[in-house]
Every structure is written in C-alpha cells, then in structure tokens.
Amino acid sequence: MKQRFQQSDLEQIAGHLADIHQLVSDRLIPEASRAHWRRAEIEAMLGIRSWLDDKINRIGKEQRNSPFKASQKSSRQSSSQSIPIEEETD
C-alpha cells in the first residue's frame, strides 16, 4: 500500500532531520571546526559575489561602449554599491 505524504508532513520530517543533524554536529564536531567551516563558507560566498560584481561591471561597460546604445532603451539603471560585511564573532 502506497502512503502519500502531505507537504506539512514532509516539512515536519525535514525539521526533525535538521534537528538531528544539529545534535550530531554539536556532539561530534568541535566548535573551532564549525567556526572554521562557517568562515570558509562566507569566504566562498564573497568570492562568488566578487565574480558576479565583476561580470556585471563588464556587461555594463560593454553596453556603454556599444555602437547600438542609442537604439537601446533600458528602464533599469546599472548601479553598484558597497555592502558592509559584519564579521562573525565566536
């Protein structure tokens, strides 16, 4: 007999699995290692952000230098801004 799960059942199961994962991580992985992995994850995401910012800037320069820019209409203006990053304290 097949049993169908409702979305709420699956969400509950996922929540329990996340709790189990957290318990196992807390008991088996030292805090210093967890902190290291969090910092490494942040660095990886910052690297991706840097790559995306560079790609966006290059596309913007190509559009500004395009011979077809007079005929191109864009309702979205390109702007870049600095986003402050807060350091995680452990």
PDB file of N, CA and C in Angstrom:
ATOM      1  N   MET A   1       0.842  -1.169   0.000  1.00  0.00           N
ATOM      2  CA  MET A   1       0.000   0.000   0.000  1.00  0.00           C
ATOM      3  C   MET A   1       0.896   1.243   0.000  1.00  0.00           C
ATOM      4  N   LYS A   2       0.624   2.123  -0.935  1.00  0.00           N
ATOM      5  CA  LYS A   2       1.380   3.373  -1.009  1.00  0.00           C
ATOM      6  C   LYS A   2       0.772   4.379  -0.043  1.00  0.00           C
ATOM      7  N   GLN A   3       1.652   5.096   0.622  1.00  0.00           N
ATOM      8  CA  GLN A   3       1.179   6.144   1.519  1.00  0.00           C
ATOM      9  C   GLN A   3       1.654   7.479   0.966  1.00  0.00           C
ATOM     10  N   ARG A   4       0.734   8.398   0.843  1.00  0.00           N
ATOM     11  CA  ARG A   4       1.075   9.729   0.337  1.00  0.00           C
ATOM     12  C   ARG A   4       1.301  10.659   1.520  1.00  0.00           C
ATOM     13  N   PHE A   5       2.349  11.437   1.404  1.00  0.00           N
ATOM     14  CA  PHE A   5       2.648  12.408   2.447  1.00  0.00           C
ATOM     15  C   PHE A   5       2.142  13.770   2.025  1.00  0.00           C
ATOM     16  N   GLN A   6       1.650  14.492   2.982  1.00  0.00           N
ATOM     17  CA  GLN A   6       1.238  15.869   2.736  1.00  0.00           C
ATOM     18  C   GLN A   6       2.480  16.754   2.857  1.00  0.00           C
ATOM     19  N   GLN A   7       2.398  17.943   2.295  1.00  0.00           N
ATOM     20  CA  GLN A   7       3.526  18.888   2.348  1.00  0.00           C
ATOM     21  C   GLN A   7       3.917  19.170   3.797  1.00  0.00           C
ATOM     22  N   SER A   8       2.936  19.347   4.670  1.00  0.00           N
ATOM     23  CA  SER A   8       3.237  19.648   6.076  1.00  0.00           C
ATOM     24  C   SER A   8       3.973  18.481   6.740  1.00  0.00           C
ATOM     25  N   ASP A   9       3.636  17.237   6.353  1.00  0.00           N
ATOM     26  CA  ASP A   9       4.343  16.074   6.895  1.00  0.00           C
ATOM     27  C   ASP A   9       5.808  16.097   6.474  1.00  0.00           C
ATOM     28  N   LEU A  10       6.048  16.396   5.218  1.00  0.00           N
ATOM     29  CA  LEU A  10       7.420  16.452   4.713  1.00  0.00           C
ATOM     30  C   LEU A  10       8.201  17.576   5.383  1.00  0.00           C
ATOM     31  N   GLU A  11       7.546  18.699   5.623  1.00  0.00           N
ATOM     32  CA  GLU A  11       8.217  19.812   6.305  1.00  0.00           C
ATOM     33  C   GLU A  11       8.569  19.424   7.732  1.00  0.00           C
ATOM     34  N   GLN A  12       7.678  18.680   8.394  1.00  0.00           N
ATOM     35  CA  GLN A  12       7.956  18.216   9.752  1.00  0.00           C
ATOM     36  C   GLN A  12       9.140  17.253   9.758  1.00  0.00           C
ATOM     37  N   ILE A  13       9.158  16.331   8.816  1.00  0.00           N
ATOM     38  CA  ILE A  13      10.264  15.376   8.716  1.00  0.00           C
ATOM     39  C   ILE A  13      11.572  16.120   8.469  1.00  0.00           C
ATOM     40  N   ALA A  14      11.550  17.091   7.570  1.00  0.00           N
ATOM     41  CA  ALA A  14      12.757  17.881   7.281  1.00  0.00           C
ATOM     42  C   ALA A  14      13.220  18.620   8.531  1.00  0.00           C
ATOM     43  N   GLY A  15      12.279  19.151   9.300  1.00  0.00           N
ATOM     44  CA  GLY A  15      12.630  19.839  10.545  1.00  0.00           C
ATOM     45  C   GLY A  15      13.288  18.906  11.541  1.00  0.00           C
ATOM     46  N   HIS A  16      12.753  17.692  11.665  1.00  0.00           N
ATOM     47  CA  HIS A  16      13.341  16.707  12.581  1.00  0.00           C
ATOM     48  C   HIS A  16      14.735  16.296  12.119  1.00  0.00           C
ATOM     49  N   LEU A  17      14.908  16.112  10.821  1.00  0.00           N
ATOM     50  CA  LEU A  17      16.230  15.764  10.302  1.00  0.00           C
ATOM     51  C   LEU A  17      17.239  16.880  10.558  1.00  0.00           C
ATOM     52  N   ALA A  18      16.797  18.120  10.421  1.00  0.00           N
ATOM     53  CA  ALA A  18      17.686  19.255  10.698  1.00  0.00           C
ATOM     54  C   ALA A  18      18.078  19.272  12.174  1.00  0.00           C
ATOM     55  N   ASP A  19      17.117  18.968  13.054  1.00  0.00           N
ATOM     56  CA  ASP A  19      17.416  18.911  14.492  1.00  0.00           C
ATOM     57  C   ASP A  19      18.427  17.808  14.797  1.00  0.00           C
ATOM     58  N   ILE A  20      18.239  16.636  14.186  1.00  0.00           N
ATOM     59  CA  ILE A  20      19.163  15.519  14.392  1.00  0.00           C
ATOM     60  C   ILE A  20      20.556  15.891  13.887  1.00  0.00           C
ATOM     61  N   HIS A  21      20.614  16.517  12.721  1.00  0.00           N
ATOM     62  CA  HIS A  21      21.899  16.950  12.162  1.00  0.00           C
ATOM     63  C   HIS A  21      22.596  17.911  13.118  1.00  0.00           C
ATOM     64  N   GLN A  22      21.843  18.842  13.679  1.00  0.00           N
ATOM     65  CA  GLN A  22      22.418  19.818  14.606  1.00  0.00           C
ATOM     66  C   GLN A  22      22.954  19.128  15.860  1.00  0.00           C
ATOM     67  N   LEU A  23      22.187  18.190  16.413  1.00  0.00           N
ATOM     68  CA  LEU A  23      22.634  17.458  17.602  1.00  0.00           C
ATOM     69  C   LEU A  23      23.922  16.680  17.334  1.00  0.00           C
ATOM     70  N   VAL A  24      23.959  15.981  16.221  1.00  0.00           N
ATOM     71  CA  VAL A  24      25.146  15.196  15.876  1.00  0.00           C
ATOM     72  C   VAL A  24      26.337  16.122  15.656  1.00  0.00           C
ATOM     73  N   SER A  25      26.125  17.216  14.946  1.00  0.00           N
ATOM     74  CA  SER A  25      27.210  18.169  14.697  1.00  0.00           C
ATOM     75  C   SER A  25      27.740  18.747  15.999  1.00  0.00           C
ATOM     76  N   ASP A  26      26.825  19.124  16.892  1.00  0.00           N
ATOM     77  CA  ASP A  26      27.239  19.716  18.165  1.00  0.00           C
ATOM     78  C   ASP A  26      28.078  18.751  18.996  1.00  0.00           C
ATOM     79  N   ARG A  27      27.758  17.475  18.923  1.00  0.00           N
ATOM     80  CA  ARG A  27      28.459  16.496  19.763  1.00  0.00           C
ATOM     81  C   ARG A  27      29.742  15.967  19.130  1.00  0.00           C
ATOM     82  N   LEU A  28      29.798  15.908  17.821  1.00  0.00           N
ATOM     83  CA  LEU A  28      30.944  15.275  17.169  1.00  0.00           C
ATOM     84  C   LEU A  28      31.972  16.251  16.615  1.00  0.00           C
ATOM     85  N   ILE A  29      31.538  17.440  16.246  1.00  0.00           N
ATOM     86  CA  ILE A  29      32.445  18.392  15.602  1.00  0.00           C
ATOM     87  C   ILE A  29      32.789  19.505  16.590  1.00  0.00           C
ATOM     88  N   PRO A  30      34.072  19.701  16.861  1.00  0.00           N
ATOM     89  CA  PRO A  30      34.468  20.759  17.802  1.00  0.00           C
ATOM     90  C   PRO A  30      34.022  22.144  17.318  1.00  0.00           C
ATOM     91  N   GLU A  31      33.754  23.020  18.265  1.00  0.00           N
ATOM     92  CA  GLU A  31      33.287  24.376  17.945  1.00  0.00           C
ATOM     93  C   GLU A  31      34.273  25.100  17.039  1.00  0.00           C
ATOM     94  N   ALA A  32      35.560  24.920  17.276  1.00  0.00           N
ATOM     95  CA  ALA A  32      36.563  25.596  16.441  1.00  0.00           C
ATOM     96  C   ALA A  32      36.443  25.150  14.983  1.00  0.00           C
ATOM     97  N   SER A  33      36.160  23.881  14.770  1.00  0.00           N
ATOM     98  CA  SER A  33      35.984  23.385  13.399  1.00  0.00           C
ATOM     99  C   SER A  33      34.727  23.962  12.765  1.00  0.00           C
ATOM    100  N   ARG A  34      33.641  24.012  13.530  1.00  0.00           N
ATOM    101  CA  ARG A  34      32.399  24.587  12.991  1.00  0.00           C
ATOM    102  C   ARG A  34      32.598  26.052  12.632  1.00  0.00           C
ATOM    103  N   ALA A  35      33.310  26.790  13.486  1.00  0.00           N
ATOM    104  CA  ALA A  35      33.573  28.206  13.213  1.00  0.00           C
ATOM    105  C   ALA A  35      34.419  28.349  11.945  1.00  0.00           C
ATOM    106  N   HIS A  36      35.408  27.465  11.798  1.00  0.00           N
ATOM    107  CA  HIS A  36      36.249  27.496  10.598  1.00  0.00           C
ATOM    108  C   HIS A  36      35.405  27.274   9.347  1.00  0.00           C
ATOM    109  N   TRP A  37      34.509  26.294   9.376  1.00  0.00           N
ATOM    110  CA  TRP A  37      33.673  25.996   8.207  1.00  0.00           C
ATOM    111  C   TRP A  37      32.723  27.138   7.901  1.00  0.00           C
ATOM    112  N   ARG A  38      32.205  27.804   8.943  1.00  0.00           N
ATOM    113  CA  ARG A  38      31.335  28.974   8.704  1.00  0.00           C
ATOM    114  C   ARG A  38      32.111  30.081   8.007  1.00  0.00           C
ATOM    115  N   ARG A  39      33.331  30.347   8.483  1.00  0.00           N
ATOM    116  CA  ARG A  39      34.148  31.391   7.848  1.00  0.00           C
ATOM    117  C   ARG A  39      34.501  31.010   6.412  1.00  0.00           C
ATOM    118  N   ALA A  40      34.803  29.735   6.185  1.00  0.00           N
ATOM    119  CA  ALA A  40      35.124  29.282   4.825  1.00  0.00           C
ATOM    120  C   ALA A  40      33.914  29.438   3.909  1.00  0.00           C
ATOM    121  N   GLU A  41      32.733  29.145   4.429  1.00  0.00           N
ATOM    122  CA  GLU A  41      31.511  29.302   3.633  1.00  0.00           C
ATOM    123  C   GLU A  41      31.287  30.770   3.273  1.00  0.00           C
ATOM    124  N   ILE A  42      31.527  31.656   4.239  1.00  0.00           N
ATOM    125  CA  ILE A  42      31.384  33.093   3.983  1.00  0.00           C
ATOM    126  C   ILE A  42      32.383  33.533   2.916  1.00  0.00           C
ATOM    127  N   GLU A  43      33.624  33.080   3.021  1.00  0.00           N
ATOM    128  CA  GLU A  43      34.644  33.446   2.034  1.00  0.00           C
ATOM    129  C   GLU A  43      34.265  32.961   0.642  1.00  0.00           C
ATOM    130  N   ALA A  44      33.706  31.761   0.556  1.00  0.00           N
ATOM    131  CA  ALA A  44      33.284  31.240  -0.747  1.00  0.00           C
ATOM    132  C   ALA A  44      32.180  32.112  -1.333  1.00  0.00           C
ATOM    133  N   MET A  45      31.220  32.492  -0.504  1.00  0.00           N
ATOM    134  CA  MET A  45      30.126  33.337  -0.999  1.00  0.00           C
ATOM    135  C   MET A  45      30.626  34.722  -1.388  1.00  0.00           C
ATOM    136  N   LEU A  46      31.588  35.270  -0.636  1.00  0.00           N
ATOM    137  CA  LEU A  46      32.163  36.563  -1.003  1.00  0.00           C
ATOM    138  C   LEU A  46      32.905  36.466  -2.336  1.00  0.00           C
ATOM    139  N   GLY A  47      33.563  35.336  -2.576  1.00  0.00           N
ATOM    140  CA  GLY A  47      34.231  35.129  -3.859  1.00  0.00           C
ATOM    141  C   GLY A  47      33.237  35.106  -5.009  1.00  0.00           C
ATOM    142  N   ILE A  48      32.116  34.437  -4.805  1.00  0.00           N
ATOM    143  CA  ILE A  48      31.070  34.403  -5.832  1.00  0.00           C
ATOM    144  C   ILE A  48      30.514  35.802  -6.054  1.00  0.00           C
ATOM    145  N   ARG A  49      30.305  36.547  -4.960  1.00  0.00           N
ATOM    146  CA  ARG A  49      29.797  37.916  -5.092  1.00  0.00           C
ATOM    147  C   ARG A  49      30.771  38.774  -5.884  1.00  0.00           C
ATOM    148  N   SER A  50      32.058  38.632  -5.596  1.00  0.00           N
ATOM    149  CA  SER A  50      33.073  39.405  -6.309  1.00  0.00           C
ATOM    150  C   SER A  50      33.057  39.075  -7.798  1.00  0.00           C
ATOM    151  N   TRP A  51      32.948  37.791  -8.130  1.00  0.00           N
ATOM    152  CA  TRP A  51      32.892  37.370  -9.527  1.00  0.00           C
ATOM    153  C   TRP A  51      31.665  37.951 -10.212  1.00  0.00           C
ATOM    154  N   LEU A  52      30.515  37.893  -9.536  1.00  0.00           N
ATOM    155  CA  LEU A  52      29.288  38.446 -10.116  1.00  0.00           C
ATOM    156  C   LEU A  52      29.400  39.956 -10.320  1.00  0.00           C
ATOM    157  N   ASP A  53      29.948  40.667  -9.323  1.00  0.00           N
ATOM    158  CA  ASP A  53      30.117  42.116  -9.455  1.00  0.00           C
ATOM    159  C   ASP A  53      30.991  42.452 -10.659  1.00  0.00           C
ATOM    160  N   ASP A  54      32.087  41.701 -10.831  1.00  0.00           N
ATOM    161  CA  ASP A  54      32.973  41.937 -11.965  1.00  0.00           C
ATOM    162  C   ASP A  54      32.244  41.690 -13.282  1.00  0.00           C
ATOM    163  N   LYS A  55      31.488  40.610 -13.356  1.00  0.00           N
ATOM    164  CA  LYS A  55      30.746  40.283 -14.579  1.00  0.00           C
ATOM    165  C   LYS A  55      29.711  41.366 -14.883  1.00  0.00           C
ATOM    166  N   ILE A  56      28.999  41.832 -13.858  1.00  0.00           N
ATOM    167  CA  ILE A  56      28.004  42.898 -14.036  1.00  0.00           C
ATOM    168  C   ILE A  56      28.678  44.167 -14.543  1.00  0.00           C
ATOM    169  N   ASN A  57      29.831  44.522 -13.965  1.00  0.00           N
ATOM    170  CA  ASN A  57      30.552  45.718 -14.409  1.00  0.00           C
ATOM    171  C   ASN A  57      31.015  45.591 -15.858  1.00  0.00           C
ATOM    172  N   ARG A  58      31.494  44.408 -16.244  1.00  0.00           N
ATOM    173  CA  ARG A  58      31.936  44.207 -17.630  1.00  0.00           C
ATOM    174  C   ARG A  58      30.772  44.339 -18.606  1.00  0.00           C
ATOM    175  N   ILE A  59      29.638  43.766 -18.250  1.00  0.00           N
ATOM    176  CA  ILE A  59      28.460  43.877 -19.117  1.00  0.00           C
ATOM    177  C   ILE A  59      28.036  45.335 -19.230  1.00  0.00           C
ATOM    178  N   GLY A  60      28.082  46.068 -18.115  1.00  0.00           N
ATOM    179  CA  GLY A  60      27.735  47.488 -18.138  1.00  0.00           C
ATOM    180  C   GLY A  60      28.661  48.282 -19.042  1.00  0.00           C
ATOM    181  N   LYS A  61      29.967  47.991 -18.986  1.00  0.00           N
ATOM    182  CA  LYS A  61      30.926  48.681 -19.853  1.00  0.00           C
ATOM    183  C   LYS A  61      30.673  48.357 -21.317  1.00  0.00           C
ATOM    184  N   GLU A  62      30.367  47.084 -21.594  1.00  0.00           N
ATOM    185  CA  GLU A  62      30.074  46.689 -22.979  1.00  0.00           C
ATOM    186  C   GLU A  62      28.848  47.431 -23.500  1.00  0.00           C
ATOM    187  N   GLN A  63      27.844  47.583 -22.664  1.00  0.00           N
ATOM    188  CA  GLN A  63      26.631  48.286 -23.093  1.00  0.00           C
ATOM    189  C   GLN A  63      26.911  49.766 -23.326  1.00  0.00           C
ATOM    190  N   ARG A  64      27.734  50.371 -22.469  1.00  0.00           N
ATOM    191  CA  ARG A  64      28.048  51.796 -22.641  1.00  0.00           C
ATOM    192  C   ARG A  64      28.876  52.035 -23.895  1.00  0.00           C
ATOM    193  N   ASN A  65      29.714  51.064 -24.266  1.00  0.00           N
ATOM    194  CA  ASN A  65      30.584  51.208 -25.433  1.00  0.00           C
ATOM    195  C   ASN A  65      29.967  50.651 -26.709  1.00  0.00           C
ATOM    196  N   SER A  66      28.768  50.144 -26.625  1.00  0.00           N
ATOM    197  CA  SER A  66      28.116  49.528 -27.779  1.00  0.00           C
ATOM    198  C   SER A  66      27.718  50.580 -28.810  1.00  0.00           C
ATOM    199  N   PRO A  67      27.948  50.308 -30.108  1.00  0.00           N
ATOM    200  CA  PRO A  67      27.519  51.256 -31.143  1.00  0.00           C
ATOM    201  C   PRO A  67      25.996  51.312 -31.263  1.00  0.00           C
ATOM    202  N   PHE A  68      25.310  50.374 -30.679  1.00  0.00           N
ATOM    203  CA  PHE A  68      23.855  50.328 -30.758  1.00  0.00           C
ATOM    204  C   PHE A  68      23.182  50.953 -29.543  1.00  0.00           C
ATOM    205  N   LYS A  69      23.952  51.602 -28.668  1.00  0.00           N
ATOM    206  CA  LYS A  69      23.374  52.092 -27.423  1.00  0.00           C
ATOM    207  C   LYS A  69      22.313  53.163 -27.639  1.00  0.00           C
ATOM    208  N   ALA A  70      22.395  53.904 -28.724  1.00  0.00           N
ATOM    209  CA  ALA A  70      21.381  54.931 -28.978  1.00  0.00           C
ATOM    210  C   ALA A  70      20.018  54.304 -29.231  1.00  0.00           C
ATOM    211  N   SER A  71      20.013  53.124 -29.828  1.00  0.00           N
ATOM    212  CA  SER A  71      18.733  52.479 -30.117  1.00  0.00           C
ATOM    213  C   SER A  71      18.260  51.584 -28.983  1.00  0.00           C
ATOM    214  N   GLN A  72      19.115  51.367 -28.006  1.00  0.00           N
ATOM    215  CA  GLN A  72      18.733  50.505 -26.888  1.00  0.00           C
ATOM    216  C   GLN A  72      18.101  51.341 -25.792  1.00  0.00           C
ATOM    217  N   LYS A  73      16.978  50.901 -25.315  1.00  0.00           N
ATOM    218  CA  LYS A  73      16.299  51.574 -24.208  1.00  0.00           C
ATOM    219  C   LYS A  73      16.297  50.620 -23.025  1.00  0.00           C
ATOM    220  N   SER A  74      16.698  51.121 -21.893  1.00  0.00           N
ATOM    221  CA  SER A  74      16.697  50.301 -20.686  1.00  0.00           C
ATOM    222  C   SER A  74      16.043  51.075 -19.565  1.00  0.00           C
ATOM    223  N   SER A  75      15.063  50.462 -18.945  1.00  0.00           N
ATOM    224  CA  SER A  75      14.389  51.118 -17.824  1.00  0.00           C
ATOM    225  C   SER A  75      15.165  50.923 -16.537  1.00  0.00           C
ATOM    226  N   ARG A  76      16.117  49.991 -16.556  1.00  0.00           N
ATOM    227  CA  ARG A  76      16.886  49.697 -15.355  1.00  0.00           C
ATOM    228  C   ARG A  76      18.260  50.340 -15.469  1.00  0.00           C
ATOM    229  N   GLN A  77      18.624  51.125 -14.477  1.00  0.00           N
ATOM    230  CA  GLN A  77      19.938  51.750 -14.484  1.00  0.00           C
ATOM    231  C   GLN A  77      20.904  50.866 -13.711  1.00  0.00           C
ATOM    232  N   SER A  78      22.120  50.767 -14.241  1.00  0.00           N
ATOM    233  CA  SER A  78      23.138  49.968 -13.582  1.00  0.00           C
ATOM    234  C   SER A  78      23.779  50.792 -12.476  1.00  0.00           C
ATOM    235  N   SER A  79      23.800  50.244 -11.292  1.00  0.00           N
ATOM    236  CA  SER A  79      24.475  50.913 -10.185  1.00  0.00           C
ATOM    237  C   SER A  79      25.078  49.853  -9.288  1.00  0.00           C
ATOM    238  N   SER A  80      26.243  50.151  -8.789  1.00  0.00           N
ATOM    239  CA  SER A  80      26.845  49.232  -7.835  1.00  0.00           C
ATOM    240  C   SER A  80      27.017  49.972  -6.527  1.00  0.00           C
ATOM    241  N   GLN A  81      26.897  49.230  -5.475  1.00  0.00           N
ATOM    242  CA  GLN A  81      27.037  49.838  -4.165  1.00  0.00           C
ATOM    243  C   GLN A  81      27.829  48.900  -3.271  1.00  0.00           C
ATOM    244  N   SER A  82      28.477  49.470  -2.293  1.00  0.00           N
ATOM    245  CA  SER A  82      29.201  48.655  -1.332  1.00  0.00           C
ATOM    246  C   SER A  82      28.224  48.140  -0.294  1.00  0.00           C
ATOM    247  N   ILE A  83      28.396  46.897   0.061  1.00  0.00           N
ATOM    248  CA  ILE A  83      27.567  46.296   1.094  1.00  0.00           C
ATOM    249  C   ILE A  83      28.486  45.951   2.251  1.00  0.00           C
ATOM    250  N   PRO A  84      28.252  46.557   3.418  1.00  0.00           N
ATOM    251  CA  PRO A  84      29.134  46.275   4.549  1.00  0.00           C
ATOM    252  C   PRO A  84      28.965  44.833   5.022  1.00  0.00           C
ATOM    253  N   ILE A  85      30.069  44.211   5.374  1.00  0.00           N
ATOM    254  CA  ILE A  85      30.067  42.836   5.863  1.00  0.00           C
ATOM    255  C   ILE A  85      30.435  42.863   7.337  1.00  0.00           C
ATOM    256  N   GLU A  86      29.564  42.291   8.153  1.00  0.00           N
ATOM    257  CA  GLU A  86      29.853  42.218   9.577  1.00  0.00           C
ATOM    258  C   GLU A  86      30.628  40.944   9.848  1.00  0.00           C
ATOM    259  N   GLU A  87      31.686  41.069  10.618  1.00  0.00           N
ATOM    260  CA  GLU A  87      32.482  39.908  10.976  1.00  0.00           C
ATOM    261  C   GLU A  87      31.755  39.124  12.050  1.00  0.00           C
ATOM    262  N   GLU A  88      31.773  37.812  11.914  1.00  0.00           N
ATOM    263  CA  GLU A  88      31.146  36.940  12.900  1.00  0.00           C
ATOM    264  C   GLU A  88      32.101  36.777  14.064  1.00  0.00           C
ATOM    265  N   THR A  89      31.613  36.974  15.265  1.00  0.00           N
ATOM    266  CA  THR A  89      32.455  36.818  16.444  1.00  0.00           C
ATOM    267  C   THR A  89      32.135  35.498  17.114  1.00  0.00           C
ATOM    268  N   ASP A  90      33.180  34.794  17.471  1.00  0.00           N
ATOM    269  CA  ASP A  90      32.987  33.493  18.134  1.00  0.00           C
ATOM    270  C   ASP A  90      33.583  33.521  19.506  1.00  0.00           C
TER     271      ASP A  90
END
